[in-house]
């Protein structure tokens, strides 16, 4: 195998790892958005006291403040997820292009 094929192969593997990392982060962000949406629904539906976690303890909190905080966190997570989707698409396109180059280079080196 030529040095060029070996170098391209190494770059391809690194790009695959980057793609997997981005996909995993995107999935975590999506789960975070879902969790925050559930929390929003619970807070909206509550008629009694509302509590917010502060480390290992729960503190009584103002319902409006908790709702605003959850909304802000959800927006931040959604923005992060969109950014990760953009990165994922870009890396996927690079992977496809690199795969073509790798196949062409491999055919030429045979």
C-alpha atoms as a PDB file:
ATOM      1  CA  UNK A   1       0.000   0.000   0.000  1.00  0.00           C
ATOM      2  CA  UNK A   2       1.418   3.377  -0.969  1.00  0.00           C
ATOM      3  CA  UNK A   3       2.129   6.150   1.489  1.00  0.00           C
ATOM      4  CA  UNK A   4      -0.621   8.265  -0.070  1.00  0.00           C
ATOM      5  CA  UNK A   5      -3.233   5.550   0.458  1.00  0.00           C
ATOM      6  CA  UNK A   6      -1.978   5.019   4.006  1.00  0.00           C
ATOM      7  CA  UNK A   7      -2.171   8.761   4.779  1.00  0.00           C
ATOM      8  CA  UNK A   8      -5.666   9.044   3.300  1.00  0.00           C
ATOM      9  CA  UNK A   9      -6.763   5.991   5.238  1.00  0.00           C
ATOM     10  CA  UNK A  10      -5.475   7.487   8.505  1.00  0.00           C
ATOM     11  CA  UNK A  11      -7.244  10.784   7.767  1.00  0.00           C
ATOM     12  CA  UNK A  12     -10.433   8.916   6.901  1.00  0.00           C
ATOM     13  CA  UNK A  13     -10.371   7.025  10.206  1.00  0.00           C
ATOM     14  CA  UNK A  14      -9.807  10.256  12.151  1.00  0.00           C
ATOM     15  CA  UNK A  15     -12.734  11.862  10.330  1.00  0.00           C
ATOM     16  CA  UNK A  16     -14.921   8.835  11.115  1.00  0.00           C
ATOM     17  CA  UNK A  17     -14.102   9.206  14.814  1.00  0.00           C
ATOM     18  CA  UNK A  18     -14.947  12.908  14.650  1.00  0.00           C
ATOM     19  CA  UNK A  19     -18.261  12.060  12.973  1.00  0.00           C
ATOM     20  CA  UNK A  20     -19.105   9.516  15.675  1.00  0.00           C
ATOM     21  CA  UNK A  21     -18.274  12.009  18.425  1.00  0.00           C
ATOM     22  CA  UNK A  22     -20.482  14.672  16.848  1.00  0.00           C
ATOM     23  CA  UNK A  23     -23.342  12.194  16.387  1.00  0.00           C
ATOM     24  CA  UNK A  24     -23.089  11.146  20.034  1.00  0.00           C
ATOM     25  CA  UNK A  25     -23.080  14.783  21.208  1.00  0.00           C
ATOM     26  CA  UNK A  26     -26.086  15.523  18.992  1.00  0.00           C
ATOM     27  CA  UNK A  27     -27.967  12.592  20.500  1.00  0.00           C
ATOM     28  CA  UNK A  28     -27.147  13.815  24.020  1.00  0.00           C
ATOM     29  CA  UNK A  29     -28.413  17.295  23.131  1.00  0.00           C
ATOM     30  CA  UNK A  30     -31.618  15.847  21.707  1.00  0.00           C
ATOM     31  CA  UNK A  31     -32.183  13.874  24.911  1.00  0.00           C
ATOM     32  CA  UNK A  32     -31.505  16.996  26.959  1.00  0.00           C
ATOM     33  CA  UNK A  33     -34.118  18.937  24.942  1.00  0.00           C
ATOM     34  CA  UNK A  34     -36.676  16.158  25.524  1.00  0.00           C
ATOM     35  CA  UNK A  35     -35.901  16.070  29.235  1.00  0.00           C
ATOM     36  CA  UNK A  36     -36.271  19.844  29.504  1.00  0.00           C
ATOM     37  CA  UNK A  37     -39.578  19.733  27.593  1.00  0.00           C
ATOM     38  CA  UNK A  38     -40.885  17.127  30.044  1.00  0.00           C
ATOM     39  CA  UNK A  39     -39.736  19.262  32.963  1.00  0.00           C
ATOM     40  CA  UNK A  40     -41.476  22.308  31.449  1.00  0.00           C
ATOM     41  CA  UNK A  41     -44.740  20.372  31.151  1.00  0.00           C
ATOM     42  CA  UNK A  42     -44.473  19.187  34.750  1.00  0.00           C
ATOM     43  CA  UNK A  43     -43.818  22.708  36.044  1.00  0.00           C
ATOM     44  CA  UNK A  44     -46.625  24.168  33.909  1.00  0.00           C
ATOM     45  CA  UNK A  45     -49.057  21.549  35.219  1.00  0.00           C
ATOM     46  CA  UNK A  46     -48.040  21.944  38.872  1.00  0.00           C
ATOM     47  CA  UNK A  47     -50.392  23.738  41.198  1.00  0.00           C
ATOM     48  CA  UNK A  48     -48.328  23.503  44.349  1.00  0.00           C
ATOM     49  CA  UNK A  49     -44.800  24.408  45.282  1.00  0.00           C
ATOM     50  CA  UNK A  50     -42.024  24.083  42.731  1.00  0.00           C
ATOM     51  CA  UNK A  51     -38.539  22.919  43.648  1.00  0.00           C
ATOM     52  CA  UNK A  52     -35.255  23.215  41.808  1.00  0.00           C
ATOM     53  CA  UNK A  53     -32.189  21.029  42.273  1.00  0.00           C
ATOM     54  CA  UNK A  54     -29.131  22.773  43.655  1.00  0.00           C
ATOM     55  CA  UNK A  55     -26.466  20.103  43.798  1.00  0.00           C
ATOM     56  CA  UNK A  56     -27.657  17.258  46.004  1.00  0.00           C
ATOM     57  CA  UNK A  57     -30.542  19.246  47.559  1.00  0.00           C
ATOM     58  CA  UNK A  58     -33.875  20.644  46.384  1.00  0.00           C
ATOM     59  CA  UNK A  59     -34.756  24.279  47.014  1.00  0.00           C
ATOM     60  CA  UNK A  60     -38.180  25.847  46.833  1.00  0.00           C
ATOM     61  CA  UNK A  61     -38.280  28.175  43.831  1.00  0.00           C
ATOM     62  CA  UNK A  62     -40.579  30.665  42.149  1.00  0.00           C
ATOM     63  CA  UNK A  63     -42.587  28.917  39.417  1.00  0.00           C
ATOM     64  CA  UNK A  64     -42.048  31.725  36.856  1.00  0.00           C
ATOM     65  CA  UNK A  65     -38.290  31.716  37.488  1.00  0.00           C
ATOM     66  CA  UNK A  66     -38.115  27.956  37.015  1.00  0.00           C
ATOM     67  CA  UNK A  67     -40.186  28.169  33.812  1.00  0.00           C
ATOM     68  CA  UNK A  68     -37.894  30.877  32.390  1.00  0.00           C
ATOM     69  CA  UNK A  69     -34.804  28.923  33.383  1.00  0.00           C
ATOM     70  CA  UNK A  70     -36.093  25.749  31.717  1.00  0.00           C
ATOM     71  CA  UNK A  71     -37.034  27.689  28.572  1.00  0.00           C
ATOM     72  CA  UNK A  72     -33.543  29.233  28.380  1.00  0.00           C
ATOM     73  CA  UNK A  73     -31.846  25.870  28.929  1.00  0.00           C
ATOM     74  CA  UNK A  74     -34.030  24.256  26.253  1.00  0.00           C
ATOM     75  CA  UNK A  75     -33.226  27.009  23.752  1.00  0.00           C
ATOM     76  CA  UNK A  76     -29.506  26.651  24.461  1.00  0.00           C
ATOM     77  CA  UNK A  77     -29.668  22.874  24.010  1.00  0.00           C
ATOM     78  CA  UNK A  78     -31.668  23.260  20.773  1.00  0.00           C
ATOM     79  CA  UNK A  79     -29.120  25.742  19.390  1.00  0.00           C
ATOM     80  CA  UNK A  80     -26.312  23.352  20.301  1.00  0.00           C
ATOM     81  CA  UNK A  81     -28.158  20.507  18.574  1.00  0.00           C
ATOM     82  CA  UNK A  82     -28.609  22.591  15.393  1.00  0.00           C
ATOM     83  CA  UNK A  83     -24.902  23.477  15.401  1.00  0.00           C
ATOM     84  CA  UNK A  84     -24.011  19.814  15.814  1.00  0.00           C
ATOM     85  CA  UNK A  85     -26.347  18.873  12.946  1.00  0.00           C
ATOM     86  CA  UNK A  86     -24.501  21.355  10.725  1.00  0.00           C
ATOM     87  CA  UNK A  87     -21.134  19.945  11.798  1.00  0.00           C
ATOM     88  CA  UNK A  88     -22.381  16.396  11.272  1.00  0.00           C
ATOM     89  CA  UNK A  89     -23.519  17.209   7.731  1.00  0.00           C
ATOM     90  CA  UNK A  90     -20.195  18.870   6.915  1.00  0.00           C
ATOM     91  CA  UNK A  91     -18.136  15.965   8.252  1.00  0.00           C
ATOM     92  CA  UNK A  92     -20.391  13.435   6.464  1.00  0.00           C
ATOM     93  CA  UNK A  93     -19.798  15.254   3.161  1.00  0.00           C
ATOM     94  CA  UNK A  94     -16.040  15.281   3.810  1.00  0.00           C
ATOM     95  CA  UNK A  95     -16.176  11.564   4.598  1.00  0.00           C
ATOM     96  CA  UNK A  96     -17.985  10.803   1.351  1.00  0.00           C
ATOM     97  CA  UNK A  97     -15.508  12.868  -0.650  1.00  0.00           C
ATOM     98  CA  UNK A  98     -12.534  11.319   1.119  1.00  0.00           C
ATOM     99  CA  UNK A  99     -13.933   7.833   0.569  1.00  0.00           C
ATOM    100  CA  UNK A 100     -14.125   8.511  -3.173  1.00  0.00           C
ATOM    101  CA  UNK A 101     -10.565   9.859  -3.190  1.00  0.00           C
ATOM    102  CA  UNK A 102      -9.371   6.873  -1.197  1.00  0.00           C
ATOM    103  CA  UNK A 103     -10.999   4.431  -3.614  1.00  0.00           C
ATOM    104  CA  UNK A 104      -9.547   6.256  -6.624  1.00  0.00           C
ATOM    105  CA  UNK A 105      -6.091   6.419  -5.053  1.00  0.00           C
ATOM    106  CA  UNK A 106      -6.278   2.758  -4.105  1.00  0.00           C
ATOM    107  CA  UNK A 107      -7.224   1.757  -7.660  1.00  0.00           C
ATOM    108  CA  UNK A 108      -4.375   3.827  -9.119  1.00  0.00           C
ATOM    109  CA  UNK A 109      -1.817   2.387  -6.680  1.00  0.00           C
ATOM    110  CA  UNK A 110      -2.662  -1.241  -7.589  1.00  0.00           C
END
